[in-house]
Amino acid sequence: MTAPHACAVCGFQDRGFIFVDPHRPAAPVRRFCSMHHLKFWSSTSRRNDGMVDMTKMEKQAIKDARRPFAEALTELGLMEPFFNRSAEDIDRLITAAVTGFKKSMDRQSPLTDDEVPF
């Protein structure tokens, strides 16, 4: 059995869906947890010439994460220092947490992309 890889979209463990850019053979193999994420990546990659910036959906997801973030801060008694922060500051914290999570998943994945997971 091969070690797990991280989904290129959400950072969770991949489930065997792979994208290889036929126009850029040197581009890394991208792995995904679902066909939905694979299709999202391939369509976004085509529109942006291989560069994937934060999409409207991702921006909305960051915004939607504000409430659970505030709830967790309140439960932990940490809300006061964050209460007067701007939405941009809160979004920066959420983005940093999500990015750190995804980078950790990438580091825990094998270094080679040669193996086929099925």
PDB file of N, CA and C in Angstrom:
ATOM      1  N   MET A   1       0.839  -1.180   0.000  1.00  0.00           N
ATOM      2  CA  MET A   1       0.000   0.000   0.000  1.00  0.00           C
ATOM      3  C   MET A   1       0.881   1.240   0.000  1.00  0.00           C
ATOM      4  N   THR A   2       0.503   2.241  -0.784  1.00  0.00           N
ATOM      5  CA  THR A   2       1.297   3.457  -0.866  1.00  0.00           C
ATOM      6  C   THR A   2       0.881   4.439   0.222  1.00  0.00           C
ATOM      7  N   ALA A   3       1.797   5.336   0.551  1.00  0.00           N
ATOM      8  CA  ALA A   3       1.493   6.372   1.541  1.00  0.00           C
ATOM      9  C   ALA A   3       0.494   7.365   0.948  1.00  0.00           C
ATOM     10  N   PRO A   4      -0.327   8.006   1.777  1.00  0.00           N
ATOM     11  CA  PRO A   4      -1.332   8.928   1.260  1.00  0.00           C
ATOM     12  C   PRO A   4      -0.716  10.216   0.722  1.00  0.00           C
ATOM     13  N   HIS A   5      -1.417  10.817  -0.200  1.00  0.00           N
ATOM     14  CA  HIS A   5      -1.058  12.125  -0.750  1.00  0.00           C
ATOM     15  C   HIS A   5      -2.136  13.110  -0.336  1.00  0.00           C
ATOM     16  N   ALA A   6      -1.843  14.386  -0.428  1.00  0.00           N
ATOM     17  CA  ALA A   6      -2.822  15.414  -0.086  1.00  0.00           C
ATOM     18  C   ALA A   6      -3.546  15.890  -1.339  1.00  0.00           C
ATOM     19  N   CYS A   7      -4.848  16.145  -1.202  1.00  0.00           N
ATOM     20  CA  CYS A   7      -5.652  16.715  -2.282  1.00  0.00           C
ATOM     21  C   CYS A   7      -5.137  18.126  -2.571  1.00  0.00           C
ATOM     22  N   ALA A   8      -4.932  18.460  -3.837  1.00  0.00           N
ATOM     23  CA  ALA A   8      -4.412  19.766  -4.227  1.00  0.00           C
ATOM     24  C   ALA A   8      -5.401  20.895  -3.957  1.00  0.00           C
ATOM     25  N   VAL A   9      -6.669  20.580  -3.753  1.00  0.00           N
ATOM     26  CA  VAL A   9      -7.678  21.615  -3.516  1.00  0.00           C
ATOM     27  C   VAL A   9      -7.906  21.829  -2.022  1.00  0.00           C
ATOM     28  N   CYS A  10      -8.206  20.766  -1.292  1.00  0.00           N
ATOM     29  CA  CYS A  10      -8.613  20.935   0.109  1.00  0.00           C
ATOM     30  C   CYS A  10      -7.542  20.501   1.112  1.00  0.00           C
ATOM     31  N   GLY A  11      -6.549  19.749   0.667  1.00  0.00           N
ATOM     32  CA  GLY A  11      -5.494  19.308   1.566  1.00  0.00           C
ATOM     33  C   GLY A  11      -5.782  18.010   2.295  1.00  0.00           C
ATOM     34  N   PHE A  12      -6.998  17.487   2.151  1.00  0.00           N
ATOM     35  CA  PHE A  12      -7.300  16.199   2.772  1.00  0.00           C
ATOM     36  C   PHE A  12      -6.671  15.072   1.955  1.00  0.00           C
ATOM     37  N   GLN A  13      -6.686  13.875   2.487  1.00  0.00           N
ATOM     38  CA  GLN A  13      -6.062  12.737   1.823  1.00  0.00           C
ATOM     39  C   GLN A  13      -6.703  12.488   0.458  1.00  0.00           C
ATOM     40  N   ASP A  14      -5.854  12.249  -0.542  1.00  0.00           N
ATOM     41  CA  ASP A  14      -6.375  11.980  -1.880  1.00  0.00           C
ATOM     42  C   ASP A  14      -7.063  10.619  -1.922  1.00  0.00           C
ATOM     43  N   ARG A  15      -7.884  10.430  -2.944  1.00  0.00           N
ATOM     44  CA  ARG A  15      -8.610   9.171  -3.125  1.00  0.00           C
ATOM     45  C   ARG A  15      -8.343   8.573  -4.506  1.00  0.00           C
ATOM     46  N   GLY A  16      -7.196   8.920  -5.099  1.00  0.00           N
ATOM     47  CA  GLY A  16      -6.802   8.288  -6.350  1.00  0.00           C
ATOM     48  C   GLY A  16      -7.139   9.055  -7.623  1.00  0.00           C
ATOM     49  N   PHE A  17      -7.651  10.276  -7.506  1.00  0.00           N
ATOM     50  CA  PHE A  17      -7.938  11.086  -8.684  1.00  0.00           C
ATOM     51  C   PHE A  17      -6.703  11.926  -8.988  1.00  0.00           C
ATOM     52  N   ILE A  18      -6.225  11.861 -10.238  1.00  0.00           N
ATOM     53  CA  ILE A  18      -4.951  12.483 -10.604  1.00  0.00           C
ATOM     54  C   ILE A  18      -5.125  13.378 -11.816  1.00  0.00           C
ATOM     55  N   PHE A  19      -4.419  14.523 -11.817  1.00  0.00           N
ATOM     56  CA  PHE A  19      -4.402  15.434 -12.957  1.00  0.00           C
ATOM     57  C   PHE A  19      -2.960  15.602 -13.408  1.00  0.00           C
ATOM     58  N   VAL A  20      -2.714  15.344 -14.679  1.00  0.00           N
ATOM     59  CA  VAL A  20      -1.419  15.577 -15.290  1.00  0.00           C
ATOM     60  C   VAL A  20      -1.664  16.528 -16.449  1.00  0.00           C
ATOM     61  N   ASP A  21      -1.029  17.690 -16.436  1.00  0.00           N
ATOM     62  CA  ASP A  21      -1.234  18.679 -17.493  1.00  0.00           C
ATOM     63  C   ASP A  21      -0.547  18.201 -18.765  1.00  0.00           C
ATOM     64  N   PRO A  22      -1.318  17.872 -19.812  1.00  0.00           N
ATOM     65  CA  PRO A  22      -0.713  17.347 -21.035  1.00  0.00           C
ATOM     66  C   PRO A  22       0.109  18.385 -21.798  1.00  0.00           C
ATOM     67  N   HIS A  23      -0.110  19.661 -21.512  1.00  0.00           N
ATOM     68  CA  HIS A  23       0.604  20.733 -22.206  1.00  0.00           C
ATOM     69  C   HIS A  23       1.853  21.177 -21.457  1.00  0.00           C
ATOM     70  N   ARG A  24       2.006  20.704 -20.246  1.00  0.00           N
ATOM     71  CA  ARG A  24       3.155  21.073 -19.425  1.00  0.00           C
ATOM     72  C   ARG A  24       3.701  19.825 -18.744  1.00  0.00           C
ATOM     73  N   PRO A  25       4.450  19.001 -19.465  1.00  0.00           N
ATOM     74  CA  PRO A  25       4.911  17.729 -18.896  1.00  0.00           C
ATOM     75  C   PRO A  25       5.785  17.883 -17.649  1.00  0.00           C
ATOM     76  N   ALA A  26       6.415  19.034 -17.477  1.00  0.00           N
ATOM     77  CA  ALA A  26       7.257  19.227 -16.293  1.00  0.00           C
ATOM     78  C   ALA A  26       6.437  19.629 -15.071  1.00  0.00           C
ATOM     79  N   ALA A  27       5.165  19.958 -15.268  1.00  0.00           N
ATOM     80  CA  ALA A  27       4.312  20.348 -14.142  1.00  0.00           C
ATOM     81  C   ALA A  27       4.098  19.147 -13.225  1.00  0.00           C
ATOM     82  N   PRO A  28       3.991  19.388 -11.932  1.00  0.00           N
ATOM     83  CA  PRO A  28       3.810  18.260 -11.007  1.00  0.00           C
ATOM     84  C   PRO A  28       2.464  17.572 -11.188  1.00  0.00           C
ATOM     85  N   VAL A  29       2.437  16.307 -10.851  1.00  0.00           N
ATOM     86  CA  VAL A  29       1.188  15.553 -10.837  1.00  0.00           C
ATOM     87  C   VAL A  29       0.372  16.078  -9.668  1.00  0.00           C
ATOM     88  N   ARG A  30      -0.890  16.356  -9.895  1.00  0.00           N
ATOM     89  CA  ARG A  30      -1.781  16.836  -8.837  1.00  0.00           C
ATOM     90  C   ARG A  30      -2.730  15.711  -8.455  1.00  0.00           C
ATOM     91  N   ARG A  31      -2.976  15.550  -7.172  1.00  0.00           N
ATOM     92  CA  ARG A  31      -3.837  14.480  -6.670  1.00  0.00           C
ATOM     93  C   ARG A  31      -5.034  15.088  -5.951  1.00  0.00           C
ATOM     94  N   PHE A  32      -6.162  14.343  -5.979  1.00  0.00           N
ATOM     95  CA  PHE A  32      -7.409  14.883  -5.452  1.00  0.00           C
ATOM     96  C   PHE A  32      -8.193  13.844  -4.683  1.00  0.00           C
ATOM     97  N   CYS A  33      -9.054  14.341  -3.790  1.00  0.00           N
ATOM     98  CA  CYS A  33      -9.883  13.460  -2.968  1.00  0.00           C
ATOM     99  C   CYS A  33     -11.196  13.114  -3.659  1.00  0.00           C
ATOM    100  N   SER A  34     -11.543  13.852  -4.720  1.00  0.00           N
ATOM    101  CA  SER A  34     -12.825  13.601  -5.393  1.00  0.00           C
ATOM    102  C   SER A  34     -12.745  14.052  -6.847  1.00  0.00           C
ATOM    103  N   MET A  35     -13.653  13.523  -7.650  1.00  0.00           N
ATOM    104  CA  MET A  35     -13.742  13.944  -9.048  1.00  0.00           C
ATOM    105  C   MET A  35     -14.140  15.413  -9.118  1.00  0.00           C
ATOM    106  N   HIS A  36     -14.952  15.858  -8.176  1.00  0.00           N
ATOM    107  CA  HIS A  36     -15.367  17.259  -8.133  1.00  0.00           C
ATOM    108  C   HIS A  36     -14.150  18.174  -8.008  1.00  0.00           C
ATOM    109  N   HIS A  37     -13.216  17.843  -7.108  1.00  0.00           N
ATOM    110  CA  HIS A  37     -12.018  18.660  -6.935  1.00  0.00           C
ATOM    111  C   HIS A  37     -11.099  18.561  -8.148  1.00  0.00           C
ATOM    112  N   LEU A  38     -11.005  17.392  -8.752  1.00  0.00           N
ATOM    113  CA  LEU A  38     -10.213  17.235  -9.968  1.00  0.00           C
ATOM    114  C   LEU A  38     -10.751  18.127 -11.080  1.00  0.00           C
ATOM    115  N   LYS A  39     -12.070  18.108 -11.299  1.00  0.00           N
ATOM    116  CA  LYS A  39     -12.677  18.944 -12.340  1.00  0.00           C
ATOM    117  C   LYS A  39     -12.492  20.425 -12.037  1.00  0.00           C
ATOM    118  N   PHE A  40     -12.649  20.792 -10.770  1.00  0.00           N
ATOM    119  CA  PHE A  40     -12.444  22.183 -10.367  1.00  0.00           C
ATOM    120  C   PHE A  40     -11.025  22.623 -10.709  1.00  0.00           C
ATOM    121  N   TRP A  41     -10.035  21.802 -10.329  1.00  0.00           N
ATOM    122  CA  TRP A  41      -8.633  22.150 -10.568  1.00  0.00           C
ATOM    123  C   TRP A  41      -8.347  22.267 -12.062  1.00  0.00           C
ATOM    124  N   SER A  42      -8.778  21.296 -12.831  1.00  0.00           N
ATOM    125  CA  SER A  42      -8.446  21.305 -14.253  1.00  0.00           C
ATOM    126  C   SER A  42      -9.094  22.485 -14.972  1.00  0.00           C
ATOM    127  N   SER A  43     -10.343  22.829 -14.619  1.00  0.00           N
ATOM    128  CA  SER A  43     -10.985  23.971 -15.276  1.00  0.00           C
ATOM    129  C   SER A  43     -10.343  25.282 -14.845  1.00  0.00           C
ATOM    130  N   THR A  44     -10.000  25.413 -13.567  1.00  0.00           N
ATOM    131  CA  THR A  44      -9.352  26.628 -13.080  1.00  0.00           C
ATOM    132  C   THR A  44      -7.958  26.761 -13.675  1.00  0.00           C
ATOM    133  N   SER A  45      -7.250  25.656 -13.759  1.00  0.00           N
ATOM    134  CA  SER A  45      -5.900  25.658 -14.320  1.00  0.00           C
ATOM    135  C   SER A  45      -5.915  26.098 -15.781  1.00  0.00           C
ATOM    136  N   ARG A  46      -6.885  25.594 -16.539  1.00  0.00           N
ATOM    137  CA  ARG A  46      -7.003  25.993 -17.946  1.00  0.00           C
ATOM    138  C   ARG A  46      -7.296  27.476 -18.096  1.00  0.00           C
ATOM    139  N   ARG A  47      -8.210  27.994 -17.266  1.00  0.00           N
ATOM    140  CA  ARG A  47      -8.586  29.412 -17.353  1.00  0.00           C
ATOM    141  C   ARG A  47      -7.438  30.321 -16.970  1.00  0.00           C
ATOM    142  N   ASN A  48      -6.579  29.878 -16.050  1.00  0.00           N
ATOM    143  CA  ASN A  48      -5.520  30.733 -15.514  1.00  0.00           C
ATOM    144  C   ASN A  48      -4.129  30.325 -15.964  1.00  0.00           C
ATOM    145  N   ASP A  49      -4.037  29.607 -17.073  1.00  0.00           N
ATOM    146  CA  ASP A  49      -2.750  29.192 -17.630  1.00  0.00           C
ATOM    147  C   ASP A  49      -1.877  28.482 -16.599  1.00  0.00           C
ATOM    148  N   GLY A  50      -2.498  27.599 -15.837  1.00  0.00           N
ATOM    149  CA  GLY A  50      -1.750  26.788 -14.882  1.00  0.00           C
ATOM    150  C   GLY A  50      -1.603  27.403 -13.508  1.00  0.00           C
ATOM    151  N   MET A  51      -1.914  28.676 -13.366  1.00  0.00           N
ATOM    152  CA  MET A  51      -1.808  29.342 -12.076  1.00  0.00           C
ATOM    153  C   MET A  51      -3.174  29.326 -11.409  1.00  0.00           C
ATOM    154  N   VAL A  52      -3.235  28.897 -10.174  1.00  0.00           N
ATOM    155  CA  VAL A  52      -4.510  28.819  -9.460  1.00  0.00           C
ATOM    156  C   VAL A  52      -4.490  29.843  -8.332  1.00  0.00           C
ATOM    157  N   ASP A  53      -5.220  30.944  -8.527  1.00  0.00           N
ATOM    158  CA  ASP A  53      -5.361  31.970  -7.506  1.00  0.00           C
ATOM    159  C   ASP A  53      -6.620  31.680  -6.697  1.00  0.00           C
ATOM    160  N   MET A  54      -6.812  32.437  -5.635  1.00  0.00           N
ATOM    161  CA  MET A  54      -8.001  32.239  -4.823  1.00  0.00           C
ATOM    162  C   MET A  54      -9.241  32.556  -5.662  1.00  0.00           C
ATOM    163  N   THR A  55     -10.130  31.610  -5.729  1.00  0.00           N
ATOM    164  CA  THR A  55     -11.341  31.759  -6.526  1.00  0.00           C
ATOM    165  C   THR A  55     -12.431  32.451  -5.709  1.00  0.00           C
ATOM    166  N   LYS A  56     -13.515  32.782  -6.383  1.00  0.00           N
ATOM    167  CA  LYS A  56     -14.671  33.371  -5.706  1.00  0.00           C
ATOM    168  C   LYS A  56     -15.179  32.418  -4.623  1.00  0.00           C
ATOM    169  N   MET A  57     -15.208  31.125  -4.925  1.00  0.00           N
ATOM    170  CA  MET A  57     -15.665  30.120  -3.963  1.00  0.00           C
ATOM    171  C   MET A  57     -14.747  30.072  -2.744  1.00  0.00           C
ATOM    172  N   GLU A  58     -13.440  30.104  -2.970  1.00  0.00           N
ATOM    173  CA  GLU A  58     -12.489  30.070  -1.856  1.00  0.00           C
ATOM    174  C   GLU A  58     -12.619  31.330  -0.994  1.00  0.00           C
ATOM    175  N   LYS A  59     -12.773  32.481  -1.652  1.00  0.00           N
ATOM    176  CA  LYS A  59     -12.965  33.729  -0.908  1.00  0.00           C
ATOM    177  C   LYS A  59     -14.226  33.644  -0.042  1.00  0.00           C
ATOM    178  N   GLN A  60     -15.289  33.069  -0.591  1.00  0.00           N
ATOM    179  CA  GLN A  60     -16.528  32.914   0.175  1.00  0.00           C
ATOM    180  C   GLN A  60     -16.327  31.933   1.332  1.00  0.00           C
ATOM    181  N   ALA A  61     -15.564  30.875   1.096  1.00  0.00           N
ATOM    182  CA  ALA A  61     -15.298  29.897   2.156  1.00  0.00           C
ATOM    183  C   ALA A  61     -14.542  30.539   3.315  1.00  0.00           C
ATOM    184  N   ILE A  62     -13.586  31.406   3.016  1.00  0.00           N
ATOM    185  CA  ILE A  62     -12.856  32.124   4.066  1.00  0.00           C
ATOM    186  C   ILE A  62     -13.825  33.001   4.847  1.00  0.00           C
ATOM    187  N   LYS A  63     -14.677  33.717   4.122  1.00  0.00           N
ATOM    188  CA  LYS A  63     -15.673  34.574   4.770  1.00  0.00           C
ATOM    189  C   LYS A  63     -16.610  33.735   5.645  1.00  0.00           C
ATOM    190  N   ASP A  64     -17.055  32.588   5.131  1.00  0.00           N
ATOM    191  CA  ASP A  64     -17.961  31.712   5.886  1.00  0.00           C
ATOM    192  C   ASP A  64     -17.297  31.118   7.126  1.00  0.00           C
ATOM    193  N   ALA A  65     -15.971  31.039   7.125  1.00  0.00           N
ATOM    194  CA  ALA A  65     -15.255  30.476   8.269  1.00  0.00           C
ATOM    195  C   ALA A  65     -15.141  31.464   9.428  1.00  0.00           C
ATOM    196  N   ARG A  66     -15.490  32.723   9.192  1.00  0.00           N
ATOM    197  CA  ARG A  66     -15.381  33.720  10.260  1.00  0.00           C
ATOM    198  C   ARG A  66     -16.230  33.357  11.473  1.00  0.00           C
ATOM    199  N   ARG A  67     -17.471  32.936  11.254  1.00  0.00           N
ATOM    200  CA  ARG A  67     -18.370  32.648  12.382  1.00  0.00           C
ATOM    201  C   ARG A  67     -17.842  31.494  13.237  1.00  0.00           C
ATOM    202  N   PRO A  68     -17.485  30.320  12.640  1.00  0.00           N
ATOM    203  CA  PRO A  68     -16.952  29.250  13.497  1.00  0.00           C
ATOM    204  C   PRO A  68     -15.641  29.653  14.182  1.00  0.00           C
ATOM    205  N   PHE A  69     -14.855  30.495  13.517  1.00  0.00           N
ATOM    206  CA  PHE A  69     -13.613  30.989  14.121  1.00  0.00           C
ATOM    207  C   PHE A  69     -13.957  31.831  15.358  1.00  0.00           C
ATOM    208  N   ALA A  70     -14.927  32.731  15.220  1.00  0.00           N
ATOM    209  CA  ALA A  70     -15.353  33.576  16.347  1.00  0.00           C
ATOM    210  C   ALA A  70     -15.939  32.724  17.474  1.00  0.00           C
ATOM    211  N   GLU A  71     -16.700  31.700  17.112  1.00  0.00           N
ATOM    212  CA  GLU A  71     -17.282  30.818  18.130  1.00  0.00           C
ATOM    213  C   GLU A  71     -16.193  30.091  18.916  1.00  0.00           C
ATOM    214  N   ALA A  72     -15.170  29.619  18.199  1.00  0.00           N
ATOM    215  CA  ALA A  72     -14.057  28.931  18.879  1.00  0.00           C
ATOM    216  C   ALA A  72     -13.303  29.906  19.785  1.00  0.00           C
ATOM    217  N   LEU A  73     -13.068  31.127  19.311  1.00  0.00           N
ATOM    218  CA  LEU A  73     -12.389  32.123  20.143  1.00  0.00           C
ATOM    219  C   LEU A  73     -13.194  32.409  21.409  1.00  0.00           C
ATOM    220  N   THR A  74     -14.507  32.534  21.250  1.00  0.00           N
ATOM    221  CA  THR A  74     -15.385  32.806  22.397  1.00  0.00           C
ATOM    222  C   THR A  74     -15.339  31.650  23.390  1.00  0.00           C
ATOM    223  N   GLU A  75     -15.449  30.412  22.890  1.00  0.00           N
ATOM    224  CA  GLU A  75     -15.418  29.236  23.771  1.00  0.00           C
ATOM    225  C   GLU A  75     -14.108  29.143  24.550  1.00  0.00           C
ATOM    226  N   LEU A  76     -13.025  29.579  23.932  1.00  0.00           N
ATOM    227  CA  LEU A  76     -11.710  29.506  24.577  1.00  0.00           C
ATOM    228  C   LEU A  76     -11.397  30.752  25.411  1.00  0.00           C
ATOM    229  N   GLY A  77     -12.331  31.718  25.408  1.00  0.00           N
ATOM    230  CA  GLY A  77     -12.104  32.949  26.163  1.00  0.00           C
ATOM    231  C   GLY A  77     -11.080  33.864  25.524  1.00  0.00           C
ATOM    232  N   LEU A  78     -10.928  33.776  24.218  1.00  0.00           N
ATOM    233  CA  LEU A  78      -9.918  34.554  23.499  1.00  0.00           C
ATOM    234  C   LEU A  78     -10.495  35.641  22.593  1.00  0.00           C
ATOM    235  N   MET A  79     -11.793  35.887  22.650  1.00  0.00           N
ATOM    236  CA  MET A  79     -12.424  36.807  21.712  1.00  0.00           C
ATOM    237  C   MET A  79     -12.005  38.266  21.898  1.00  0.00           C
ATOM    238  N   GLU A  80     -11.784  38.682  23.132  1.00  0.00           N
ATOM    239  CA  GLU A  80     -11.529  40.105  23.390  1.00  0.00           C
ATOM    240  C   GLU A  80     -10.427  40.716  22.520  1.00  0.00           C
ATOM    241  N   PRO A  81      -9.246  40.106  22.396  1.00  0.00           N
ATOM    242  CA  PRO A  81      -8.206  40.727  21.557  1.00  0.00           C
ATOM    243  C   PRO A  81      -8.573  40.793  20.067  1.00  0.00           C
ATOM    244  N   PHE A  82      -9.523  39.976  19.631  1.00  0.00           N
ATOM    245  CA  PHE A  82      -9.896  39.929  18.218  1.00  0.00           C
ATOM    246  C   PHE A  82     -11.145  40.745  17.895  1.00  0.00           C
ATOM    247  N   PHE A  83     -11.832  41.211  18.941  1.00  0.00           N
ATOM    248  CA  PHE A  83     -13.153  41.813  18.761  1.00  0.00           C
ATOM    249  C   PHE A  83     -13.144  43.010  17.805  1.00  0.00           C
ATOM    250  N   ASN A  84     -12.161  43.874  17.889  1.00  0.00           N
ATOM    251  CA  ASN A  84     -12.119  45.076  17.036  1.00  0.00           C
ATOM    252  C   ASN A  84     -11.223  44.920  15.809  1.00  0.00           C
ATOM    253  N   ARG A  85     -10.822  43.724  15.524  1.00  0.00           N
ATOM    254  CA  ARG A  85     -10.008  43.485  14.320  1.00  0.00           C
ATOM    255  C   ARG A  85     -10.864  43.590  13.072  1.00  0.00           C
ATOM    256  N   SER A  86     -10.236  43.960  11.971  1.00  0.00           N
ATOM    257  CA  SER A  86     -10.959  44.076  10.698  1.00  0.00           C
ATOM    258  C   SER A  86     -11.228  42.688  10.115  1.00  0.00           C
ATOM    259  N   ALA A  87     -12.179  42.640   9.201  1.00  0.00           N
ATOM    260  CA  ALA A  87     -12.467  41.383   8.497  1.00  0.00           C
ATOM    261  C   ALA A  87     -11.226  40.893   7.765  1.00  0.00           C
ATOM    262  N   GLU A  88     -10.428  41.810   7.232  1.00  0.00           N
ATOM    263  CA  GLU A  88      -9.197  41.433   6.518  1.00  0.00           C
ATOM    264  C   GLU A  88      -8.210  40.751   7.457  1.00  0.00           C
ATOM    265  N   ASP A  89      -8.103  41.264   8.691  1.00  0.00           N
ATOM    266  CA  ASP A  89      -7.205  40.635   9.675  1.00  0.00           C
ATOM    267  C   ASP A  89      -7.673  39.216  10.011  1.00  0.00           C
ATOM    268  N   ILE A  90      -8.969  39.059  10.225  1.00  0.00           N
ATOM    269  CA  ILE A  90      -9.520  37.744  10.553  1.00  0.00           C
ATOM    270  C   ILE A  90      -9.331  36.790   9.381  1.00  0.00           C
ATOM    271  N   ASP A  91      -9.592  37.286   8.162  1.00  0.00           N
ATOM    272  CA  ASP A  91      -9.402  36.453   6.964  1.00  0.00           C
ATOM    273  C   ASP A  91      -7.948  36.033   6.822  1.00  0.00           C
ATOM    274  N   ARG A  92      -7.038  36.912   7.182  1.00  0.00           N
ATOM    275  CA  ARG A  92      -5.606  36.584   7.113  1.00  0.00           C
ATOM    276  C   ARG A  92      -5.271  35.443   8.074  1.00  0.00           C
ATOM    277  N   LEU A  93      -5.836  35.479   9.277  1.00  0.00           N
ATOM    278  CA  LEU A  93      -5.612  34.402  10.243  1.00  0.00           C
ATOM    279  C   LEU A  93      -6.184  33.071   9.755  1.00  0.00           C
ATOM    280  N   ILE A  94      -7.396  33.133   9.204  1.00  0.00           N
ATOM    281  CA  ILE A  94      -8.032  31.914   8.689  1.00  0.00           C
ATOM    282  C   ILE A  94      -7.220  31.356   7.532  1.00  0.00           C
ATOM    283  N   THR A  95      -6.801  32.234   6.619  1.00  0.00           N
ATOM    284  CA  THR A  95      -6.003  31.803   5.466  1.00  0.00           C
ATOM    285  C   THR A  95      -4.686  31.184   5.924  1.00  0.00           C
ATOM    286  N   ALA A  96      -4.058  31.782   6.928  1.00  0.00           N
ATOM    287  CA  ALA A  96      -2.796  31.235   7.448  1.00  0.00           C
ATOM    288  C   ALA A  96      -3.008  29.834   8.025  1.00  0.00           C
ATOM    289  N   ALA A  97      -4.111  29.642   8.758  1.00  0.00           N
ATOM    290  CA  ALA A  97      -4.388  28.321   9.339  1.00  0.00           C
ATOM    291  C   ALA A  97      -4.640  27.285   8.254  1.00  0.00           C
ATOM    292  N   VAL A  98      -5.442  27.658   7.257  1.00  0.00           N
ATOM    293  CA  VAL A  98      -5.753  26.723   6.164  1.00  0.00           C
ATOM    294  C   VAL A  98      -4.489  26.409   5.365  1.00  0.00           C
ATOM    295  N   THR A  99      -3.694  27.428   5.073  1.00  0.00           N
ATOM    296  CA  THR A  99      -2.457  27.224   4.310  1.00  0.00           C
ATOM    297  C   THR A  99      -1.490  26.338   5.079  1.00  0.00           C
ATOM    298  N   GLY A 100      -1.357  26.583   6.371  1.00  0.00           N
ATOM    299  CA  GLY A 100      -0.479  25.742   7.192  1.00  0.00           C
ATOM    300  C   GLY A 100      -0.934  24.304   7.215  1.00  0.00           C
ATOM    301  N   PHE A 101      -2.244  24.096   7.308  1.00  0.00           N
ATOM    302  CA  PHE A 101      -2.813  22.747   7.279  1.00  0.00           C
ATOM    303  C   PHE A 101      -2.468  22.054   5.959  1.00  0.00           C
ATOM    304  N   LYS A 102      -2.686  22.751   4.849  1.00  0.00           N
ATOM    305  CA  LYS A 102      -2.428  22.160   3.536  1.00  0.00           C
ATOM    306  C   LYS A 102      -0.944  21.865   3.333  1.00  0.00           C
ATOM    307  N   LYS A 103      -0.077  22.774   3.784  1.00  0.00           N
ATOM    308  CA  LYS A 103       1.362  22.547   3.636  1.00  0.00           C
ATOM    309  C   LYS A 103       1.808  21.344   4.468  1.00  0.00           C
ATOM    310  N   SER A 104       1.240  21.187   5.638  1.00  0.00           N
ATOM    311  CA  SER A 104       1.561  20.025   6.459  1.00  0.00           C
ATOM    312  C   SER A 104       1.146  18.744   5.754  1.00  0.00           C
ATOM    313  N   MET A 105      -0.045  18.742   5.164  1.00  0.00           N
ATOM    314  CA  MET A 105      -0.500  17.561   4.420  1.00  0.00           C
ATOM    315  C   MET A 105       0.448  17.265   3.263  1.00  0.00           C
ATOM    316  N   ASP A 106       0.907  18.302   2.574  1.00  0.00           N
ATOM    317  CA  ASP A 106       1.859  18.103   1.475  1.00  0.00           C
ATOM    318  C   ASP A 106       3.171  17.510   1.985  1.00  0.00           C
ATOM    319  N   ARG A 107       3.678  18.031   3.114  1.00  0.00           N
ATOM    320  CA  ARG A 107       4.937  17.520   3.671  1.00  0.00           C
ATOM    321  C   ARG A 107       4.809  16.060   4.105  1.00  0.00           C
ATOM    322  N   GLN A 108       3.634  15.677   4.565  1.00  0.00           N
ATOM    323  CA  GLN A 108       3.426  14.308   5.016  1.00  0.00           C
ATOM    324  C   GLN A 108       3.231  13.337   3.860  1.00  0.00           C
ATOM    325  N   SER A 109       2.976  13.864   2.676  1.00  0.00           N
ATOM    326  CA  SER A 109       2.805  13.018   1.495  1.00  0.00           C
ATOM    327  C   SER A 109       4.173  12.581   0.996  1.00  0.00           C
ATOM    328  N   PRO A 110       4.215  11.474   0.279  1.00  0.00           N
ATOM    329  CA  PRO A 110       5.494  11.016  -0.277  1.00  0.00           C
ATOM    330  C   PRO A 110       6.086  12.068  -1.231  1.00  0.00           C
ATOM    331  N   LEU A 111       7.379  12.043  -1.370  1.00  0.00           N
ATOM    332  CA  LEU A 111       8.051  13.003  -2.236  1.00  0.00           C
ATOM    333  C   LEU A 111       7.946  12.654  -3.710  1.00  0.00           C
ATOM    334  N   THR A 112       7.652  11.424  -4.045  1.00  0.00           N
ATOM    335  CA  THR A 112       7.565  11.027  -5.450  1.00  0.00           C
ATOM    336  C   THR A 112       6.125  11.022  -5.915  1.00  0.00           C
ATOM    337  N   ASP A 113       5.929  11.402  -7.154  1.00  0.00           N
ATOM    338  CA  ASP A 113       4.609  11.369  -7.765  1.00  0.00           C
ATOM    339  C   ASP A 113       4.511  10.263  -8.813  1.00  0.00           C
ATOM    340  N   ASP A 114       5.451   9.316  -8.762  1.00  0.00           N
ATOM    341  CA  ASP A 114       5.510   8.265  -9.778  1.00  0.00           C
ATOM    342  C   ASP A 114       4.508   7.143  -9.543  1.00  0.00           C
ATOM    343  N   GLU A 115       4.076   6.942  -8.320  1.00  0.00           N
ATOM    344  CA  GLU A 115       3.230   5.804  -7.994  1.00  0.00           C
ATOM    345  C   GLU A 115       1.768   6.062  -8.369  1.00  0.00           C
ATOM    346  N   VAL A 116       1.131   5.064  -8.889  1.00  0.00           N
ATOM    347  CA  VAL A 116      -0.308   5.111  -9.165  1.00  0.00           C
ATOM    348  C   VAL A 116      -1.006   4.490  -7.962  1.00  0.00           C
ATOM    349  N   PRO A 117      -1.979   5.213  -7.334  1.00  0.00           N
ATOM    350  CA  PRO A 117      -2.536   4.731  -6.076  1.00  0.00           C
ATOM    351  C   PRO A 117      -3.529   3.574  -6.203  1.00  0.00           C
ATOM    352  N   PHE A 118      -3.757   3.049  -7.374  1.00  0.00           N
ATOM    353  CA  PHE A 118      -4.691   1.929  -7.512  1.00  0.00           C
ATOM    354  C   PHE A 118      -4.159   0.918  -8.478  1.00  0.00           C
TER     355      PHE A 118
END
